[in-house]
């Protein structure tokens, strides 16, 4: 085998190895569920730094801590008020998130209530979520409304 043929063979093998690695990476990325991808971006504790809702009674969320766990559970600690918990699922490509509440709450949200929402991570790292709390359909933009709560959250950890 000539030196030129050896170099071509080595180059071909290197290209084949890179293609194989990229194929494995692509399959791995495609096999990752949307909820898993969502989880990697929002897992952790967040403090609600701004909350706007245009209906009564107001559910003050400012100062609350929302924690999203790897196992797709969440909790909302509202300090002196009753805490809420449940499960979440989302689609990062569509920017949608659903919060399904569990537990025996005396006031809304009751067990089984689902808040449908949209979310985005701002360039400064803050998380923005707009949720419909059961009376309206999933919001389509980041504006508060009668049954919509627009929250901005800052990562705590």
C-alpha atoms as a PDB file:
ATOM      1  CA  UNK A   1       0.000   0.000   0.000  1.00  0.00           C
ATOM      2  CA  UNK A   2       1.384   3.396  -0.929  1.00  0.00           C
ATOM      3  CA  UNK A   3       1.701   6.303   1.487  1.00  0.00           C
ATOM      4  CA  UNK A   4      -1.101   8.097  -0.335  1.00  0.00           C
ATOM      5  CA  UNK A   5      -3.438   5.083  -0.058  1.00  0.00           C
ATOM      6  CA  UNK A   6      -2.579   4.769   3.653  1.00  0.00           C
ATOM      7  CA  UNK A   7      -3.443   8.432   4.252  1.00  0.00           C
ATOM      8  CA  UNK A   8      -6.726   8.083   2.336  1.00  0.00           C
ATOM      9  CA  UNK A   9      -7.669   4.942   4.257  1.00  0.00           C
ATOM     10  CA  UNK A  10      -6.855   6.609   7.594  1.00  0.00           C
ATOM     11  CA  UNK A  11      -8.881   9.685   6.609  1.00  0.00           C
ATOM     12  CA  UNK A  12     -11.815   7.494   5.536  1.00  0.00           C
ATOM     13  CA  UNK A  13     -11.728   5.638   8.838  1.00  0.00           C
ATOM     14  CA  UNK A  14     -11.657   8.921  10.787  1.00  0.00           C
ATOM     15  CA  UNK A  15     -14.662  10.224   8.836  1.00  0.00           C
ATOM     16  CA  UNK A  16     -16.513   6.934   9.420  1.00  0.00           C
ATOM     17  CA  UNK A  17     -15.793   7.139  13.150  1.00  0.00           C
ATOM     18  CA  UNK A  18     -17.081  10.737  13.337  1.00  0.00           C
ATOM     19  CA  UNK A  19     -20.260   9.789  11.446  1.00  0.00           C
ATOM     20  CA  UNK A  20     -20.835   6.896  13.847  1.00  0.00           C
ATOM     21  CA  UNK A  21     -20.369   9.168  16.882  1.00  0.00           C
ATOM     22  CA  UNK A  22     -22.722  11.795  15.470  1.00  0.00           C
ATOM     23  CA  UNK A  23     -25.325   9.120  14.664  1.00  0.00           C
ATOM     24  CA  UNK A  24     -25.227   7.835  18.256  1.00  0.00           C
ATOM     25  CA  UNK A  25     -25.539  11.398  19.576  1.00  0.00           C
ATOM     26  CA  UNK A  26     -28.507  12.084  17.291  1.00  0.00           C
ATOM     27  CA  UNK A  27     -30.297   8.893  18.355  1.00  0.00           C
ATOM     28  CA  UNK A  28     -29.664   9.726  22.026  1.00  0.00           C
ATOM     29  CA  UNK A  29     -31.031  13.255  21.594  1.00  0.00           C
ATOM     30  CA  UNK A  30     -34.107  11.973  19.765  1.00  0.00           C
ATOM     31  CA  UNK A  31     -34.781   9.341  22.423  1.00  0.00           C
ATOM     32  CA  UNK A  32     -34.821  11.993  25.148  1.00  0.00           C
ATOM     33  CA  UNK A  33     -38.455  12.717  25.969  1.00  0.00           C
ATOM     34  CA  UNK A  34     -39.706  16.314  25.839  1.00  0.00           C
ATOM     35  CA  UNK A  35     -40.382  16.178  29.567  1.00  0.00           C
ATOM     36  CA  UNK A  36     -36.805  15.106  30.228  1.00  0.00           C
ATOM     37  CA  UNK A  37     -35.483  17.962  28.128  1.00  0.00           C
ATOM     38  CA  UNK A  38     -37.870  20.278  29.952  1.00  0.00           C
ATOM     39  CA  UNK A  39     -36.634  18.974  33.271  1.00  0.00           C
ATOM     40  CA  UNK A  40     -33.012  19.658  32.490  1.00  0.00           C
ATOM     41  CA  UNK A  41     -33.833  23.321  31.961  1.00  0.00           C
ATOM     42  CA  UNK A  42     -36.097  23.942  34.954  1.00  0.00           C
ATOM     43  CA  UNK A  43     -35.113  21.380  37.610  1.00  0.00           C
ATOM     44  CA  UNK A  44     -34.390  23.122  40.884  1.00  0.00           C
ATOM     45  CA  UNK A  45     -35.914  25.754  43.127  1.00  0.00           C
ATOM     46  CA  UNK A  46     -37.258  29.053  41.817  1.00  0.00           C
ATOM     47  CA  UNK A  47     -38.546  32.115  43.659  1.00  0.00           C
ATOM     48  CA  UNK A  48     -41.546  33.942  42.239  1.00  0.00           C
ATOM     49  CA  UNK A  49     -40.331  37.531  41.892  1.00  0.00           C
ATOM     50  CA  UNK A  50     -43.350  38.837  39.989  1.00  0.00           C
ATOM     51  CA  UNK A  51     -46.928  37.579  39.704  1.00  0.00           C
ATOM     52  CA  UNK A  52     -49.896  39.196  37.943  1.00  0.00           C
ATOM     53  CA  UNK A  53     -53.490  37.921  37.911  1.00  0.00           C
ATOM     54  CA  UNK A  54     -56.573  39.928  36.951  1.00  0.00           C
ATOM     55  CA  UNK A  55     -59.265  38.031  38.862  1.00  0.00           C
ATOM     56  CA  UNK A  56     -60.506  37.812  42.435  1.00  0.00           C
ATOM     57  CA  UNK A  57     -59.702  36.504  44.895  1.00  0.00           C
ATOM     58  CA  UNK A  58     -56.060  37.167  44.139  1.00  0.00           C
ATOM     59  CA  UNK A  59     -53.770  34.212  44.830  1.00  0.00           C
ATOM     60  CA  UNK A  60     -50.608  36.014  45.850  1.00  0.00           C
ATOM     61  CA  UNK A  61     -47.685  34.058  44.504  1.00  0.00           C
ATOM     62  CA  UNK A  62     -44.888  36.628  44.912  1.00  0.00           C
ATOM     63  CA  UNK A  63     -42.266  35.263  47.305  1.00  0.00           C
ATOM     64  CA  UNK A  64     -43.384  31.646  46.835  1.00  0.00           C
ATOM     65  CA  UNK A  65     -40.814  28.964  46.048  1.00  0.00           C
ATOM     66  CA  UNK A  66     -41.589  26.558  43.225  1.00  0.00           C
ATOM     67  CA  UNK A  67     -39.427  23.440  43.075  1.00  0.00           C
ATOM     68  CA  UNK A  68     -39.337  21.215  40.002  1.00  0.00           C
ATOM     69  CA  UNK A  69     -37.862  17.765  40.723  1.00  0.00           C
ATOM     70  CA  UNK A  70     -36.221  15.281  38.321  1.00  0.00           C
ATOM     71  CA  UNK A  71     -39.032  12.776  38.886  1.00  0.00           C
ATOM     72  CA  UNK A  72     -41.511  15.291  37.373  1.00  0.00           C
ATOM     73  CA  UNK A  73     -43.016  16.271  40.705  1.00  0.00           C
ATOM     74  CA  UNK A  74     -43.265  19.855  41.862  1.00  0.00           C
ATOM     75  CA  UNK A  75     -44.063  21.726  45.040  1.00  0.00           C
ATOM     76  CA  UNK A  76     -45.123  25.300  45.677  1.00  0.00           C
ATOM     77  CA  UNK A  77     -44.229  26.631  49.124  1.00  0.00           C
ATOM     78  CA  UNK A  78     -46.176  29.803  49.826  1.00  0.00           C
ATOM     79  CA  UNK A  79     -44.786  30.633  53.259  1.00  0.00           C
ATOM     80  CA  UNK A  80     -47.691  31.255  55.662  1.00  0.00           C
ATOM     81  CA  UNK A  81     -50.252  29.739  53.263  1.00  0.00           C
ATOM     82  CA  UNK A  82     -50.940  26.106  52.417  1.00  0.00           C
ATOM     83  CA  UNK A  83     -48.336  24.517  50.164  1.00  0.00           C
ATOM     84  CA  UNK A  84     -49.312  22.808  46.921  1.00  0.00           C
ATOM     85  CA  UNK A  85     -47.754  19.849  45.141  1.00  0.00           C
ATOM     86  CA  UNK A  86     -48.298  17.557  42.217  1.00  0.00           C
ATOM     87  CA  UNK A  87     -46.746  16.461  38.963  1.00  0.00           C
ATOM     88  CA  UNK A  88     -45.690  18.371  35.878  1.00  0.00           C
ATOM     89  CA  UNK A  89     -45.114  17.556  32.254  1.00  0.00           C
ATOM     90  CA  UNK A  90     -44.077  19.743  29.431  1.00  0.00           C
ATOM     91  CA  UNK A  91     -42.894  20.104  25.903  1.00  0.00           C
ATOM     92  CA  UNK A  92     -39.898  22.424  25.555  1.00  0.00           C
ATOM     93  CA  UNK A  93     -40.258  22.636  21.769  1.00  0.00           C
ATOM     94  CA  UNK A  94     -43.845  23.861  22.044  1.00  0.00           C
ATOM     95  CA  UNK A  95     -43.092  25.787  25.246  1.00  0.00           C
ATOM     96  CA  UNK A  96     -46.003  24.190  27.104  1.00  0.00           C
ATOM     97  CA  UNK A  97     -46.234  22.972  30.692  1.00  0.00           C
ATOM     98  CA  UNK A  98     -49.056  21.352  32.678  1.00  0.00           C
ATOM     99  CA  UNK A  99     -49.169  21.341  36.478  1.00  0.00           C
ATOM    100  CA  UNK A 100     -51.423  18.588  37.870  1.00  0.00           C
ATOM    101  CA  UNK A 101     -52.219  19.153  41.540  1.00  0.00           C
ATOM    102  CA  UNK A 102     -52.531  16.476  44.191  1.00  0.00           C
ATOM    103  CA  UNK A 103     -53.439  16.541  47.852  1.00  0.00           C
ATOM    104  CA  UNK A 104     -56.479  17.700  49.770  1.00  0.00           C
ATOM    105  CA  UNK A 105     -56.626  21.477  49.442  1.00  0.00           C
ATOM    106  CA  UNK A 106     -59.477  23.424  51.017  1.00  0.00           C
ATOM    107  CA  UNK A 107     -59.366  26.022  48.265  1.00  0.00           C
ATOM    108  CA  UNK A 108     -58.423  25.843  44.591  1.00  0.00           C
ATOM    109  CA  UNK A 109     -56.440  24.163  43.234  1.00  0.00           C
ATOM    110  CA  UNK A 110     -58.143  20.932  44.286  1.00  0.00           C
ATOM    111  CA  UNK A 111     -56.755  17.452  43.787  1.00  0.00           C
ATOM    112  CA  UNK A 112     -56.850  16.662  40.074  1.00  0.00           C
ATOM    113  CA  UNK A 113     -56.937  20.307  38.921  1.00  0.00           C
ATOM    114  CA  UNK A 114     -54.562  20.952  36.023  1.00  0.00           C
ATOM    115  CA  UNK A 115     -53.117  24.352  35.253  1.00  0.00           C
ATOM    116  CA  UNK A 116     -52.231  24.461  31.573  1.00  0.00           C
ATOM    117  CA  UNK A 117     -49.504  26.915  30.753  1.00  0.00           C
ATOM    118  CA  UNK A 118     -46.689  28.136  28.600  1.00  0.00           C
ATOM    119  CA  UNK A 119     -43.129  28.805  29.660  1.00  0.00           C
ATOM    120  CA  UNK A 120     -39.887  30.289  28.444  1.00  0.00           C
ATOM    121  CA  UNK A 121     -36.444  30.918  29.873  1.00  0.00           C
ATOM    122  CA  UNK A 122     -35.477  34.565  29.484  1.00  0.00           C
ATOM    123  CA  UNK A 123     -31.979  35.571  28.278  1.00  0.00           C
ATOM    124  CA  UNK A 124     -31.152  36.651  31.858  1.00  0.00           C
ATOM    125  CA  UNK A 125     -31.956  33.109  33.110  1.00  0.00           C
ATOM    126  CA  UNK A 126     -35.334  33.918  34.656  1.00  0.00           C
ATOM    127  CA  UNK A 127     -38.218  31.523  34.037  1.00  0.00           C
ATOM    128  CA  UNK A 128     -41.529  32.969  32.882  1.00  0.00           C
ATOM    129  CA  UNK A 129     -44.703  30.898  33.182  1.00  0.00           C
ATOM    130  CA  UNK A 130     -48.251  31.885  32.248  1.00  0.00           C
ATOM    131  CA  UNK A 131     -50.916  29.455  33.473  1.00  0.00           C
ATOM    132  CA  UNK A 132     -54.670  29.113  33.075  1.00  0.00           C
ATOM    133  CA  UNK A 133     -56.129  27.983  36.366  1.00  0.00           C
ATOM    134  CA  UNK A 134     -58.994  25.904  35.037  1.00  0.00           C
ATOM    135  CA  UNK A 135     -61.527  28.354  33.586  1.00  0.00           C
ATOM    136  CA  UNK A 136     -59.714  29.347  30.388  1.00  0.00           C
ATOM    137  CA  UNK A 137     -57.729  27.346  27.841  1.00  0.00           C
ATOM    138  CA  UNK A 138     -53.948  27.303  27.727  1.00  0.00           C
ATOM    139  CA  UNK A 139     -52.616  30.858  27.247  1.00  0.00           C
ATOM    140  CA  UNK A 140     -51.096  31.710  23.888  1.00  0.00           C
ATOM    141  CA  UNK A 141     -48.962  34.665  24.991  1.00  0.00           C
ATOM    142  CA  UNK A 142     -47.340  36.176  28.063  1.00  0.00           C
ATOM    143  CA  UNK A 143     -50.118  38.532  29.150  1.00  0.00           C
ATOM    144  CA  UNK A 144     -52.189  38.251  32.343  1.00  0.00           C
ATOM    145  CA  UNK A 145     -55.927  37.715  32.052  1.00  0.00           C
ATOM    146  CA  UNK A 146     -59.036  36.861  34.059  1.00  0.00           C
ATOM    147  CA  UNK A 147     -58.023  33.252  34.773  1.00  0.00           C
ATOM    148  CA  UNK A 148     -54.362  33.618  33.809  1.00  0.00           C
ATOM    149  CA  UNK A 149     -51.470  34.027  36.196  1.00  0.00           C
ATOM    150  CA  UNK A 150     -48.269  35.396  34.714  1.00  0.00           C
ATOM    151  CA  UNK A 151     -45.259  34.608  36.900  1.00  0.00           C
ATOM    152  CA  UNK A 152     -41.586  35.473  36.607  1.00  0.00           C
ATOM    153  CA  UNK A 153     -39.249  33.280  38.625  1.00  0.00           C
ATOM    154  CA  UNK A 154     -35.590  33.593  39.576  1.00  0.00           C
ATOM    155  CA  UNK A 155     -33.497  30.467  40.136  1.00  0.00           C
ATOM    156  CA  UNK A 156     -32.588  29.900  43.800  1.00  0.00           C
ATOM    157  CA  UNK A 157     -30.097  27.078  43.265  1.00  0.00           C
END
